[in-house]
N, C-alpha and C. Protein backbone atom coordinates (compact mmCIF):
# COMPACT_ATOMS: atom_id res chain seq x y z
N UNK A 1 32.80 109.08 40.81
CA UNK A 1 32.71 108.46 40.01
C UNK A 1 32.08 109.17 38.88
N UNK A 2 33.34 108.48 37.68
CA UNK A 2 32.95 109.22 36.53
C UNK A 2 33.10 107.74 35.14
N UNK A 3 32.19 107.48 34.45
CA UNK A 3 32.37 106.20 33.70
C UNK A 3 31.93 106.65 31.75
N UNK A 4 32.63 106.10 31.49
CA UNK A 4 32.88 106.62 29.66
C UNK A 4 31.71 105.36 29.23
N UNK A 5 30.44 105.90 28.11
CA UNK A 5 29.95 104.88 27.32
C UNK A 5 30.58 104.81 25.74
N UNK A 6 30.89 103.65 25.51
CA UNK A 6 31.79 103.78 24.08
C UNK A 6 30.59 103.46 22.78
N UNK A 7 30.60 104.08 22.14
CA UNK A 7 29.28 104.11 21.54
C UNK A 7 29.69 103.44 19.82
N UNK A 8 28.76 103.23 19.40
CA UNK A 8 29.85 102.54 17.62
C UNK A 8 29.08 103.54 16.47
N UNK A 9 29.96 103.83 15.57
CA UNK A 9 29.69 104.49 15.08
C UNK A 9 29.06 104.60 13.00
N UNK A 10 28.97 103.57 12.70
CA UNK A 10 28.83 101.99 12.15
C UNK A 10 27.39 101.89 11.93
N UNK A 11 26.69 102.39 10.22
CA UNK A 11 25.71 102.19 10.91
C UNK A 11 25.03 101.21 9.29
N UNK A 12 26.16 100.93 8.62
CA UNK A 12 25.32 99.79 7.73
C UNK A 12 25.31 98.32 8.16
N UNK A 13 24.22 98.04 7.85
CA UNK A 13 24.49 95.63 7.95
C UNK A 13 24.87 95.36 6.85
N UNK A 14 26.11 95.28 6.87
CA UNK A 14 26.97 94.42 6.08
C UNK A 14 26.59 94.90 4.48
N UNK A 15 26.01 94.02 3.17
CA UNK A 15 25.76 94.41 2.23
C UNK A 15 24.06 94.67 1.74
N UNK A 16 23.20 94.48 3.08
CA UNK A 16 22.41 94.66 3.02
C UNK A 16 21.17 95.86 2.90
N UNK A 17 22.41 97.22 2.70
CA UNK A 17 20.75 97.95 2.11
C UNK A 17 20.63 98.39 3.65
N UNK A 18 20.39 98.03 4.34
CA UNK A 18 19.55 98.03 5.62
C UNK A 18 20.80 98.81 6.43
N UNK A 19 20.35 99.41 7.85
CA UNK A 19 20.82 100.63 8.60
C UNK A 19 21.03 99.70 9.64
N UNK A 20 21.99 100.17 10.70
CA UNK A 20 22.74 99.36 11.88
C UNK A 20 22.86 99.82 13.02
N UNK A 21 23.88 99.83 13.87
CA UNK A 21 24.03 101.43 15.03
C UNK A 21 24.18 100.67 16.27
N UNK A 22 23.56 101.10 17.45
CA UNK A 22 23.92 100.83 18.65
C UNK A 22 22.21 100.29 19.28
N UNK A 23 22.32 99.53 19.97
CA UNK A 23 21.05 99.14 20.30
C UNK A 23 20.27 100.03 21.56
N UNK A 24 19.14 100.99 21.47
CA UNK A 24 18.89 101.83 22.82
C UNK A 24 19.29 101.49 23.95
N UNK A 25 17.75 99.91 24.66
CA UNK A 25 17.80 99.76 26.21
C UNK A 25 19.76 99.40 25.80
N UNK A 26 20.23 98.97 25.48
CA UNK A 26 21.90 99.16 26.01
C UNK A 26 22.49 100.31 26.27
N UNK A 27 21.88 100.83 25.59
CA UNK A 27 22.39 102.29 25.91
C UNK A 27 20.99 102.87 27.34
N UNK A 28 20.08 103.08 27.32
CA UNK A 28 19.11 104.10 27.88
C UNK A 28 19.54 102.77 29.44
N UNK A 29 19.21 101.89 29.08
CA UNK A 29 19.39 101.06 31.13
C UNK A 29 20.49 100.90 31.76
N UNK A 30 21.27 101.14 31.19
CA UNK A 30 22.85 101.20 31.74
C UNK A 30 23.10 102.85 32.24
N UNK A 31 23.08 103.97 31.31
CA UNK A 31 22.93 104.57 31.37
C UNK A 31 22.70 105.62 33.21
N UNK A 32 20.84 105.07 33.10
CA UNK A 32 19.85 105.43 34.04
C UNK A 32 20.65 105.00 35.39
N UNK A 33 20.88 103.66 35.24
CA UNK A 33 21.27 102.56 36.36
C UNK A 33 22.79 103.79 36.89
N UNK A 34 23.53 104.51 36.32
CA UNK A 34 24.42 105.04 36.25
C UNK A 34 24.55 106.30 36.98
N UNK A 35 23.67 106.74 36.65
CA UNK A 35 23.03 108.47 36.99
C UNK A 35 22.66 108.30 38.01
N UNK A 36 21.33 107.41 37.98
CA UNK A 36 20.54 107.14 39.38
C UNK A 36 21.61 106.76 40.13
N UNK A 37 22.85 106.10 40.20
CA UNK A 37 24.33 106.09 41.60
C UNK A 37 25.08 107.01 41.88
N UNK A 38 24.96 108.28 40.64
CA UNK A 38 25.36 109.66 41.49
C UNK A 38 27.00 109.52 40.34
N UNK A 39 26.88 108.47 39.31
CA UNK A 39 27.96 109.01 38.24
C UNK A 39 27.84 110.36 37.98
N UNK A 40 28.59 110.93 36.81
CA UNK A 40 28.94 111.11 35.38
C UNK A 40 29.45 110.31 34.55
N UNK A 41 28.31 110.43 33.70
CA UNK A 41 28.02 109.88 32.84
C UNK A 41 28.66 110.97 31.09
N UNK A 42 30.06 110.63 30.18
CA UNK A 42 30.52 110.82 28.85
C UNK A 42 30.06 109.67 28.20
N UNK A 43 29.28 110.36 27.30
CA UNK A 43 29.15 109.38 25.86
C UNK A 43 30.51 109.67 24.98
N UNK A 44 30.69 109.01 24.38
CA UNK A 44 31.92 108.29 23.21
C UNK A 44 31.50 108.04 21.78
N UNK A 45 31.92 107.70 20.92
CA UNK A 45 32.28 106.93 19.72
C UNK A 45 33.11 107.50 18.83
N UNK A 46 33.65 106.05 17.78
CA UNK A 46 34.59 106.24 16.84
C UNK A 46 34.87 107.96 16.21
N UNK A 47 34.40 108.45 15.34
CA UNK A 47 33.45 109.58 14.92
C UNK A 47 33.15 111.06 16.30
N UNK A 48 32.68 110.67 16.91
CA UNK A 48 32.23 112.01 17.85
C UNK A 48 31.25 112.12 17.35
N UNK A 49 30.21 113.23 17.89
CA UNK A 49 28.97 113.77 17.47
C UNK A 49 27.96 112.84 17.38
N UNK A 50 26.65 113.10 16.67
CA UNK A 50 25.75 112.01 16.82
C UNK A 50 26.11 109.69 15.77
N UNK A 51 25.48 109.14 17.31
CA UNK A 51 26.09 108.07 16.72
C UNK A 51 24.81 107.82 16.15
N UNK A 52 25.06 106.14 14.97
CA UNK A 52 23.56 105.94 15.11
C UNK A 52 23.09 104.59 15.17
N UNK A 53 21.35 104.59 15.47
CA UNK A 53 20.95 104.16 16.49
C UNK A 53 20.08 102.87 15.69
N UNK A 54 20.30 101.86 15.84
CA UNK A 54 19.80 100.84 14.98
C UNK A 54 18.25 100.98 14.80
N UNK A 55 17.45 100.89 14.38
CA UNK A 55 16.38 101.75 13.72
C UNK A 55 15.25 100.48 14.67
N UNK A 56 15.84 98.75 14.44
CA UNK A 56 15.05 97.97 14.86
C UNK A 56 14.75 98.10 17.10
N UNK A 57 16.01 99.03 17.38
CA UNK A 57 15.78 99.31 18.81
C UNK A 57 14.91 100.10 19.29
N UNK A 58 14.31 100.90 17.94
CA UNK A 58 13.03 102.23 18.40
C UNK A 58 11.93 101.66 18.30
N UNK A 59 12.01 100.78 17.46
CA UNK A 59 10.62 100.22 17.92
C UNK A 59 9.28 100.04 18.63
N UNK A 60 8.06 100.13 18.57
CA UNK A 60 7.59 100.49 20.16
C UNK A 60 7.39 98.79 20.92
N UNK A 61 8.16 97.79 20.38
CA UNK A 61 8.30 96.69 20.61
C UNK A 61 9.01 96.46 21.79
N UNK A 62 10.10 97.09 21.61
CA UNK A 62 11.67 96.98 22.03
C UNK A 62 11.58 98.18 23.20
N UNK A 63 10.92 98.81 23.31
CA UNK A 63 10.35 99.98 23.95
C UNK A 63 10.70 99.37 25.31
N UNK A 64 11.23 100.53 26.70
CA UNK A 64 11.27 99.67 27.73
C UNK A 64 11.51 101.07 28.77
N UNK A 65 10.64 100.70 30.26
CA UNK A 65 10.92 102.15 31.04
C UNK A 65 12.04 103.18 30.62
N UNK A 66 13.46 102.17 30.69
CA UNK A 66 14.40 103.59 30.42
C UNK A 66 14.73 104.19 28.79
N UNK A 67 14.22 103.03 27.77
CA UNK A 67 14.09 103.80 26.61
C UNK A 67 13.58 104.91 26.75
N UNK A 68 11.98 104.93 26.87
CA UNK A 68 11.38 106.10 27.59
C UNK A 68 11.31 107.05 28.31
N UNK A 69 12.22 106.99 28.85
CA UNK A 69 13.01 108.29 29.76
C UNK A 69 14.19 108.79 29.29
N UNK A 70 15.57 108.08 28.47
CA UNK A 70 16.29 108.04 27.76
C UNK A 70 15.71 108.97 26.87
N UNK A 71 15.03 108.72 25.63
CA UNK A 71 14.24 109.56 24.79
C UNK A 71 13.22 111.25 25.78
N UNK A 72 13.29 110.98 26.56
CA UNK A 72 12.41 112.29 26.98
C UNK A 72 12.86 112.91 27.43
N UNK A 73 14.64 112.89 27.70
CA UNK A 73 15.39 113.14 28.50
C UNK A 73 16.17 114.63 28.09
N UNK A 74 16.08 115.66 27.77
CA UNK A 74 16.64 116.17 27.16
C UNK A 74 18.01 116.20 27.56
N UNK A 75 18.76 116.28 28.28
CA UNK A 75 20.60 116.61 28.51
C UNK A 75 21.32 114.69 28.36
N UNK A 76 20.03 114.31 28.46
CA UNK A 76 20.41 112.60 27.22
C UNK A 76 20.86 112.85 26.11
N UNK A 77 19.63 113.65 25.53
CA UNK A 77 19.90 113.45 24.00
C UNK A 77 20.47 114.44 23.21
N UNK A 78 21.28 115.44 24.68
CA UNK A 78 21.73 116.38 23.97
C UNK A 78 23.49 115.44 24.10
N UNK A 79 24.12 114.95 25.17
CA UNK A 79 25.02 114.56 25.02
C UNK A 79 25.54 112.92 24.30
N UNK A 80 24.16 112.34 24.08
CA UNK A 80 23.93 111.15 22.58
C UNK A 80 24.49 112.76 21.34
N UNK A 81 23.78 113.17 21.00
CA UNK A 81 24.03 114.75 19.39
C UNK A 81 25.76 114.36 18.96
N UNK A 82 26.28 114.37 20.91
CA UNK A 82 27.58 115.34 20.60
C UNK A 82 28.52 114.54 21.80
N UNK A 83 28.62 112.61 21.51
CA UNK A 83 29.79 112.34 21.75
C UNK A 83 31.10 112.46 21.17
N UNK A 84 31.44 112.13 22.11
CA UNK A 84 33.01 112.97 22.56
C UNK A 84 33.86 111.85 21.04
N UNK A 85 35.14 112.17 20.13
CA UNK A 85 35.59 111.44 19.50
C UNK A 85 36.49 110.40 20.24
N UNK A 86 36.36 109.08 19.71
CA UNK A 86 37.31 108.28 20.82
C UNK A 86 38.59 108.59 20.85
N UNK A 87 39.60 109.28 20.28
CA UNK A 87 41.11 110.24 19.73
C UNK A 87 40.97 110.98 21.30
N UNK A 88 39.90 111.33 21.63
CA UNK A 88 40.21 112.07 22.28
C UNK A 88 40.28 112.32 23.76
N UNK A 89 39.89 110.84 24.12
CA UNK A 89 39.07 110.35 25.57
C UNK A 89 40.42 109.97 26.00
N UNK A 90 40.85 110.10 27.48
CA UNK A 90 42.26 110.12 28.10
C UNK A 90 41.14 108.96 29.48
N UNK A 91 41.81 107.66 29.04
CA UNK A 91 41.30 107.29 30.55
C UNK A 91 41.49 107.12 31.74
N UNK A 92 42.51 108.19 31.86
CA UNK A 92 43.15 108.47 33.10
C UNK A 92 41.71 109.25 33.66
N UNK A 93 40.67 109.97 32.64
CA UNK A 93 40.18 110.89 33.49
C UNK A 93 38.50 109.99 33.97
N UNK A 94 38.68 108.28 34.07
CA UNK A 94 37.46 107.58 34.20
C UNK A 94 37.95 106.75 35.09
N UNK A 95 36.63 106.39 35.53
CA UNK A 95 36.65 105.00 36.97
C UNK A 95 36.48 103.61 35.94
N UNK A 96 36.04 103.57 34.88
CA UNK A 96 35.07 102.28 34.19
C UNK A 96 34.62 102.91 33.01
N UNK A 97 34.38 101.88 31.73
CA UNK A 97 34.09 102.38 30.84
C UNK A 97 33.18 100.91 30.37
N UNK A 98 31.95 101.13 29.60
CA UNK A 98 31.08 100.86 29.04
C UNK A 98 30.64 100.49 27.97
N UNK A 99 30.48 99.10 27.39
CA UNK A 99 29.80 99.69 25.80
C UNK A 99 28.89 98.43 25.85
N UNK A 100 27.87 99.75 25.06
CA UNK A 100 26.66 99.22 23.99
C UNK A 100 26.88 98.51 23.28
N UNK A 101 25.79 97.45 22.91
CA UNK A 101 25.89 96.22 21.89
C UNK A 101 24.93 97.15 20.42
N UNK A 102 24.31 96.69 20.14
CA UNK A 102 23.61 96.76 18.53
C UNK A 102 25.03 96.22 17.28
N UNK A 103 24.67 95.83 16.83
CA UNK A 103 25.52 95.44 15.33
C UNK A 103 26.83 95.88 15.11
N UNK A 104 26.48 97.21 15.58
CA UNK A 104 27.50 98.20 14.53
C UNK A 104 28.97 97.99 15.22
N UNK A 105 28.96 97.68 16.59
CA UNK A 105 30.14 97.78 16.73
C UNK A 105 31.06 96.46 16.20
N UNK A 106 30.52 95.52 16.06
CA UNK A 106 30.79 94.25 14.90
C UNK A 106 31.82 95.02 14.25
N UNK A 107 31.43 95.65 13.40
CA UNK A 107 32.09 96.38 12.19
C UNK A 107 33.24 97.85 12.41
N UNK A 108 32.99 98.52 13.45
CA UNK A 108 34.23 99.17 13.58
C UNK A 108 34.77 99.05 15.09
N UNK A 109 34.15 98.80 15.81
CA UNK A 109 34.90 99.24 17.30
C UNK A 109 35.72 98.23 17.12
N UNK A 110 35.30 96.83 16.65
CA UNK A 110 36.58 95.53 16.81
C UNK A 110 37.73 96.23 16.67
N UNK A 111 37.73 96.50 15.48
CA UNK A 111 38.95 97.13 14.85
C UNK A 111 39.48 98.43 14.93
N UNK A 112 38.85 99.32 15.80
CA UNK A 112 39.08 100.50 16.29
C UNK A 112 41.08 100.42 17.09
N UNK A 113 41.75 100.82 16.35
CA UNK A 113 42.75 101.16 17.35
C UNK A 113 42.23 102.08 18.43
N UNK A 114 42.08 103.24 18.39
CA UNK A 114 41.44 103.95 19.25
C UNK A 114 40.72 103.07 20.38
N UNK A 115 40.03 101.66 20.64
CA UNK A 115 38.89 101.33 20.83
C UNK A 115 40.30 99.62 21.49
N UNK A 116 40.87 99.55 21.14
CA UNK A 116 41.45 98.73 21.79
C UNK A 116 43.02 99.39 22.52
N UNK A 117 42.98 100.11 22.42
CA UNK A 117 44.19 100.95 23.05
C UNK A 117 43.13 101.33 24.37
N UNK A 118 42.09 101.92 24.12
CA UNK A 118 41.61 101.91 25.19
C UNK A 118 41.11 101.05 26.72
N UNK A 119 40.30 99.82 25.54
CA UNK A 119 40.06 98.77 26.68
C UNK A 119 41.28 98.36 27.38
N UNK A 120 42.91 98.03 26.43
CA UNK A 120 44.27 97.89 27.28
C UNK A 120 44.34 98.60 28.39
N UNK A 121 44.59 99.43 28.33
CA UNK A 121 45.19 100.81 29.33
C UNK A 121 44.32 101.01 30.22
N UNK A 122 42.74 100.53 29.66
CA UNK A 122 41.72 100.96 31.46
C UNK A 122 42.10 99.29 32.04
N UNK A 123 42.28 98.41 31.47
CA UNK A 123 42.60 96.79 32.45
C UNK A 123 43.84 97.00 33.20
N UNK A 124 44.72 97.49 32.31
CA UNK A 124 45.97 97.85 32.87
C UNK A 124 46.29 98.28 33.67
N UNK A 125 45.02 99.92 33.76
CA UNK A 125 44.93 100.48 34.70
C UNK A 125 44.51 100.14 36.35
N UNK A 126 43.89 98.63 36.55
CA UNK A 126 42.71 98.12 36.94
C UNK A 126 41.94 98.81 37.18
N UNK A 127 40.71 99.27 36.02
CA UNK A 127 39.79 99.87 36.16
C UNK A 127 38.73 98.86 35.38
N UNK A 128 37.75 98.83 35.42
CA UNK A 128 36.94 98.20 34.56
C UNK A 128 36.04 98.35 33.90
N UNK A 129 36.24 97.20 32.62
CA UNK A 129 35.79 98.00 31.53
C UNK A 129 34.61 96.06 31.28
N UNK A 130 33.03 96.80 30.70
CA UNK A 130 32.44 95.65 31.11
C UNK A 130 31.14 96.45 29.37
N UNK A 131 31.20 95.09 29.13
CA UNK A 131 30.61 95.00 27.76
C UNK A 131 29.51 94.31 27.30
N UNK A 132 28.31 94.97 26.95
CA UNK A 132 26.89 93.37 26.60
C UNK A 132 26.09 93.25 25.52
N UNK A 133 26.07 91.95 25.09
CA UNK A 133 24.75 91.62 24.19
C UNK A 133 26.42 91.57 22.88
N UNK A 134 26.38 92.29 21.62
CA UNK A 134 27.61 92.67 20.72
C UNK A 134 28.71 92.62 21.37
N UNK A 135 28.69 94.08 22.16
CA UNK A 135 30.24 94.38 22.81
C UNK A 135 30.65 93.70 22.89
N UNK A 136 30.99 92.34 23.47
CA UNK A 136 31.93 92.01 23.99
C UNK A 136 32.89 91.47 22.63
N UNK A 137 32.00 91.54 20.99
CA UNK A 137 32.55 91.44 20.35
C UNK A 137 33.74 92.09 20.54
N UNK A 138 34.06 93.27 20.96
CA UNK A 138 35.00 94.16 20.30
C UNK A 138 35.93 94.31 20.83
N UNK A 139 36.01 93.15 22.16
CA UNK A 139 37.38 91.96 22.63
C UNK A 139 38.15 91.77 21.39
N UNK A 140 37.49 91.19 20.46
CA UNK A 140 38.09 90.39 19.33
C UNK A 140 39.77 90.29 19.38
N UNK A 141 39.52 92.02 19.26
CA UNK A 141 41.35 91.92 18.41
C UNK A 141 42.42 92.71 19.92
N UNK A 142 42.03 92.62 20.95
CA UNK A 142 41.94 93.23 22.38
C UNK A 142 43.37 92.69 22.97
N UNK A 143 45.04 92.34 23.02
CA UNK A 143 45.77 91.65 24.07
C UNK A 143 45.27 92.63 25.38
N UNK A 144 46.50 91.24 26.04
CA UNK A 144 46.74 91.76 27.68
C UNK A 144 48.09 92.36 27.35
N UNK A 145 47.96 92.14 28.37
CA UNK A 145 50.35 93.01 28.36
C UNK A 145 51.28 91.68 27.74
N UNK A 146 50.89 90.46 27.80
CA UNK A 146 51.66 89.17 27.65
C UNK A 146 51.81 89.44 25.93
N UNK A 147 50.77 90.37 25.70
CA UNK A 147 50.46 89.15 23.86
C UNK A 147 49.31 88.65 23.74
N UNK A 148 49.07 88.39 24.74
CA UNK A 148 47.88 86.91 24.63
C UNK A 148 46.73 87.41 24.73
N UNK A 149 45.33 86.63 23.92
CA UNK A 149 43.27 87.53 23.76
C UNK A 149 42.95 88.28 25.18
N UNK A 150 42.84 89.26 25.09
CA UNK A 150 42.41 89.42 26.57
C UNK A 150 41.48 88.36 28.09
N UNK A 151 40.56 88.05 26.57
CA UNK A 151 39.57 87.13 27.14
C UNK A 151 40.23 85.29 27.43
N UNK A 152 41.58 85.49 26.86
CA UNK A 152 42.05 83.80 27.37
C UNK A 152 41.72 83.73 28.28
N UNK A 153 41.16 82.16 28.88
CA UNK A 153 41.16 82.01 30.24
C UNK A 153 40.08 82.80 31.07
N UNK A 154 39.45 83.66 30.63
CA UNK A 154 38.67 84.28 31.31
C UNK A 154 36.97 83.77 30.87
N UNK A 155 36.16 83.93 32.14
CA UNK A 155 34.75 83.85 32.47
C UNK A 155 34.32 85.00 31.39
N UNK A 156 33.67 84.37 30.22
CA UNK A 156 32.74 85.41 29.27
C UNK A 156 31.26 84.72 28.94
N UNK A 157 30.83 85.76 28.74
CA UNK A 157 29.65 85.78 27.34
C UNK A 157 29.35 86.98 26.50
N UNK A 158 28.12 86.78 25.99
CA UNK A 158 28.16 87.84 24.47
C UNK A 158 26.44 86.93 24.21
N UNK A 159 26.33 88.19 23.39
CA UNK A 159 25.41 87.51 21.96
C UNK A 159 25.60 85.51 21.55
N UNK A 160 24.71 85.16 21.91
CA UNK A 160 24.52 83.86 21.21
C UNK A 160 24.21 83.86 19.86
N UNK A 161 25.59 81.99 19.36
CA UNK A 161 24.94 81.54 18.38
C UNK A 161 23.49 81.38 17.86
N UNK A 162 22.89 81.15 18.60
CA UNK A 162 21.57 80.29 18.92
C UNK A 162 20.73 82.07 18.19
N UNK A 163 21.02 83.18 18.91
CA UNK A 163 20.04 84.14 19.53
C UNK A 163 20.44 85.09 17.72
N UNK A 164 21.49 85.14 17.60
CA UNK A 164 21.75 85.50 15.99
C UNK A 164 21.03 85.04 14.78
N UNK A 165 21.03 83.51 14.91
CA UNK A 165 20.46 82.62 14.25
C UNK A 165 18.81 83.25 14.49
N UNK A 166 17.90 83.49 15.89
CA UNK A 166 16.87 83.65 15.82
C UNK A 166 16.55 85.36 14.61
N UNK A 167 17.47 86.23 15.17
CA UNK A 167 17.31 87.65 14.59
C UNK A 167 17.78 87.52 12.72
N UNK A 168 18.18 86.47 12.65
CA UNK A 168 18.39 85.86 10.80
C UNK A 168 19.64 86.55 10.43
N UNK A 169 20.78 87.16 11.18
CA UNK A 169 21.78 87.53 10.52
C UNK A 169 23.37 86.79 10.98
N UNK A 170 23.54 85.47 10.67
CA UNK A 170 24.09 85.00 10.91
C UNK A 170 25.31 85.12 9.75
N UNK A 171 24.81 85.24 8.53
CA UNK A 171 25.61 84.98 7.50
C UNK A 171 25.53 86.75 7.04
N UNK A 172 25.13 87.41 8.11
CA UNK A 172 25.83 89.22 7.54
C UNK A 172 26.57 89.93 8.33
N UNK A 173 26.81 89.20 9.35
CA UNK A 173 27.73 90.11 10.77
C UNK A 173 28.96 89.41 9.69
N UNK A 174 30.11 90.00 10.44
CA UNK A 174 31.21 90.23 9.89
C UNK A 174 31.94 88.73 10.87
N UNK A 175 31.48 88.68 11.78
CA UNK A 175 32.05 87.19 13.04
C UNK A 175 31.20 87.40 13.95
N UNK A 176 30.84 85.78 14.19
CA UNK A 176 29.69 85.36 15.14
C UNK A 176 30.30 85.77 16.50
N UNK A 177 29.67 86.32 17.97
CA UNK A 177 30.26 86.70 19.11
C UNK A 177 30.62 85.58 19.86
N UNK A 178 30.00 85.08 19.83
CA UNK A 178 30.37 83.22 20.55
C UNK A 178 31.19 82.54 20.28
N UNK A 179 31.58 82.62 18.57
CA UNK A 179 32.47 81.58 18.37
C UNK A 179 34.20 82.84 18.80
N UNK A 180 33.89 84.08 18.40
CA UNK A 180 35.14 84.53 18.54
C UNK A 180 35.73 84.61 19.71
N UNK A 181 34.70 84.94 21.07
CA UNK A 181 35.43 84.73 22.05
C UNK A 181 35.80 83.60 22.65
N UNK A 182 35.25 82.39 21.92
CA UNK A 182 35.82 80.91 21.82
C UNK A 182 37.26 80.26 21.03
N UNK A 183 36.74 80.86 20.26
CA UNK A 183 38.43 81.06 19.25
C UNK A 183 39.38 82.16 20.20
N UNK A 184 39.04 82.69 20.60
CA UNK A 184 40.25 83.80 21.87
C UNK A 184 40.39 83.11 23.07
N UNK A 185 40.38 82.00 22.87
CA UNK A 185 40.30 81.16 24.16
C UNK A 185 39.73 81.62 25.70
N UNK A 186 37.99 82.16 25.19
CA UNK A 186 37.21 82.82 26.24
C UNK A 186 36.88 81.79 27.21
N UNK A 187 36.30 81.69 27.96
CA UNK A 187 35.51 80.69 29.08
C UNK A 187 34.10 80.96 28.47
N UNK A 188 33.38 80.70 27.63
CA UNK A 188 32.56 81.03 26.85
C UNK A 188 31.23 80.47 27.89
N UNK A 189 29.81 81.08 28.47
CA UNK A 189 28.48 80.37 28.54
C UNK A 189 27.73 81.23 28.50
N UNK A 190 26.62 80.50 28.51
CA UNK A 190 25.24 81.51 27.74
C UNK A 190 24.05 80.23 28.66
N UNK A 191 23.00 81.85 28.44
CA UNK A 191 21.91 80.83 29.24
C UNK A 191 20.47 81.17 28.04
N UNK A 192 20.04 80.51 28.56
CA UNK A 192 18.71 80.73 27.54
C UNK A 192 18.36 81.58 26.43
N UNK A 193 17.89 81.33 25.12
CA UNK A 193 18.06 82.71 24.50
C UNK A 193 17.45 83.70 25.03
N UNK A 194 17.61 84.78 25.26
CA UNK A 194 17.26 86.83 25.71
C UNK A 194 16.97 86.25 27.32
N UNK A 195 17.38 85.79 28.03
CA UNK A 195 17.44 85.51 29.29
C UNK A 195 18.55 86.14 29.84
N UNK A 196 18.45 86.29 30.81
CA UNK A 196 19.75 87.70 31.73
C UNK A 196 20.70 86.07 31.80
N UNK A 197 22.06 87.57 32.07
CA UNK A 197 23.30 86.31 32.11
C UNK A 197 24.14 87.11 31.99
N UNK A 198 25.46 87.32 33.13
CA UNK A 198 26.15 88.50 33.05
C UNK A 198 27.46 87.31 33.29
N UNK A 199 28.42 87.13 33.73
CA UNK A 199 29.85 86.81 33.46
C UNK A 199 30.69 88.10 34.19
N UNK A 200 31.87 87.97 35.36
CA UNK A 200 32.18 88.31 35.81
C UNK A 200 33.45 87.94 36.14
N UNK A 201 34.49 88.38 35.39
CA UNK A 201 35.88 87.44 35.83
C UNK A 201 37.42 88.59 35.59
N UNK A 202 37.54 88.85 37.06
CA UNK A 202 38.54 90.62 37.21
C UNK A 202 37.67 91.67 37.34
N UNK A 203 38.33 91.88 36.28
CA UNK A 203 37.84 93.63 36.02
C UNK A 203 37.15 93.24 35.10
N UNK A 204 37.05 92.24 34.06
CA UNK A 204 36.16 92.03 33.02
C UNK A 204 34.94 91.75 32.85
N UNK A 205 33.88 92.63 32.55
CA UNK A 205 32.02 92.21 33.06
C UNK A 205 32.16 91.95 32.05
N UNK A 206 31.16 90.33 31.62
CA UNK A 206 29.96 90.86 30.11
C UNK A 206 28.87 90.17 30.15
N UNK A 207 28.15 91.16 29.17
CA UNK A 207 26.13 90.17 29.40
C UNK A 207 26.02 89.78 28.06
N UNK A 208 24.72 88.99 28.22
CA UNK A 208 25.17 88.49 27.24
C UNK A 208 24.01 88.85 25.69
N UNK A 209 22.97 89.52 25.99
CA UNK A 209 21.87 90.11 25.73
C UNK A 209 21.23 91.25 25.36
N UNK A 210 20.23 92.00 25.10
CA UNK A 210 19.93 93.60 26.26
C UNK A 210 18.73 92.89 27.09
N UNK A 211 18.23 92.28 27.43
CA UNK A 211 17.71 91.63 28.14
C UNK A 211 18.80 91.68 29.98
N UNK A 212 20.49 91.61 29.37
CA UNK A 212 21.48 91.91 30.42
C UNK A 212 21.67 92.98 30.66
N UNK A 213 21.42 93.92 29.99
CA UNK A 213 22.30 95.11 29.70
C UNK A 213 21.66 96.11 31.56
N UNK A 214 21.04 95.90 32.77
CA UNK A 214 20.72 96.47 33.74
C UNK A 214 21.77 95.90 34.27
N UNK A 215 21.19 94.64 34.55
CA UNK A 215 22.54 93.73 35.49
C UNK A 215 24.04 93.81 35.04
N UNK A 216 24.61 93.72 34.08
CA UNK A 216 25.56 94.13 33.61
C UNK A 216 25.57 95.66 34.04
N UNK A 217 25.23 96.46 33.84
CA UNK A 217 25.60 98.30 34.92
C UNK A 217 25.82 97.75 36.77
N UNK A 218 25.02 97.28 36.96
CA UNK A 218 24.45 96.86 38.14
C UNK A 218 26.07 95.92 38.42
N UNK A 219 26.57 95.24 37.89
CA UNK A 219 27.69 93.95 38.18
C UNK A 219 28.64 95.34 38.20
N UNK A 220 28.78 96.07 37.25
CA UNK A 220 30.60 97.39 37.38
C UNK A 220 30.01 98.32 37.98
N UNK A 221 28.56 97.96 39.16
CA UNK A 221 28.91 99.56 39.89
C UNK A 221 28.69 99.43 41.34
N UNK A 222 28.70 97.72 40.81
CA UNK A 222 28.69 97.27 42.12
C UNK A 222 30.70 96.39 42.51
N UNK A 223 31.05 96.52 41.40
CA UNK A 223 33.09 97.11 41.36
C UNK A 223 34.04 98.23 42.15
N UNK A 224 33.07 98.97 41.20
CA UNK A 224 33.37 100.17 41.29
C UNK A 224 33.08 100.63 43.03
N UNK A 225 32.29 99.73 43.71
CA UNK A 225 31.84 100.42 45.04
C UNK A 225 32.60 99.99 45.82
């Protein structure tokens, strides 16, 4: 079992002058769910190399058992420093794809041709794609074989408008995940803010927020088994 994890390469939080990137918990928790299940995990990003970490996800109050384990894991940190460029990824080499969130993906992965092609080819190859928190926004420009939005008619979730309001970035992000999923015809649902919520519809698995990271990974593993 071989799983590809795709991270953002974008580090600028709009025009604020602040940094963004991927959210550590949303990488670490799924990473160890996969590793502990015996999977081989490969990390990729649009630019390759070291992807930017959202500094807020590395603060003390954002730490979890998984994030502490990851940061103390020399093998994991080496893999993170040397992510594979997305342009070099062949979906035939993998059984599934997982996208962690953080705000970064809204700027680069949502518009990245290699990412769009990867998701389309994965689903058309009858392999699952799982995305958590802001990462479901990466589906914005992904179409199915008939040219329709890939989320149209699908049960999906992702970072909610109310959660974006809580973190104060509603007017900073290029688009709102909840609104975009709905606009593309997705059957969007959510739990209370910051509660675990996962939706699976066929080969597409989505999680609402950082708290949903492990549960989203577990849903992917269940589908693979």
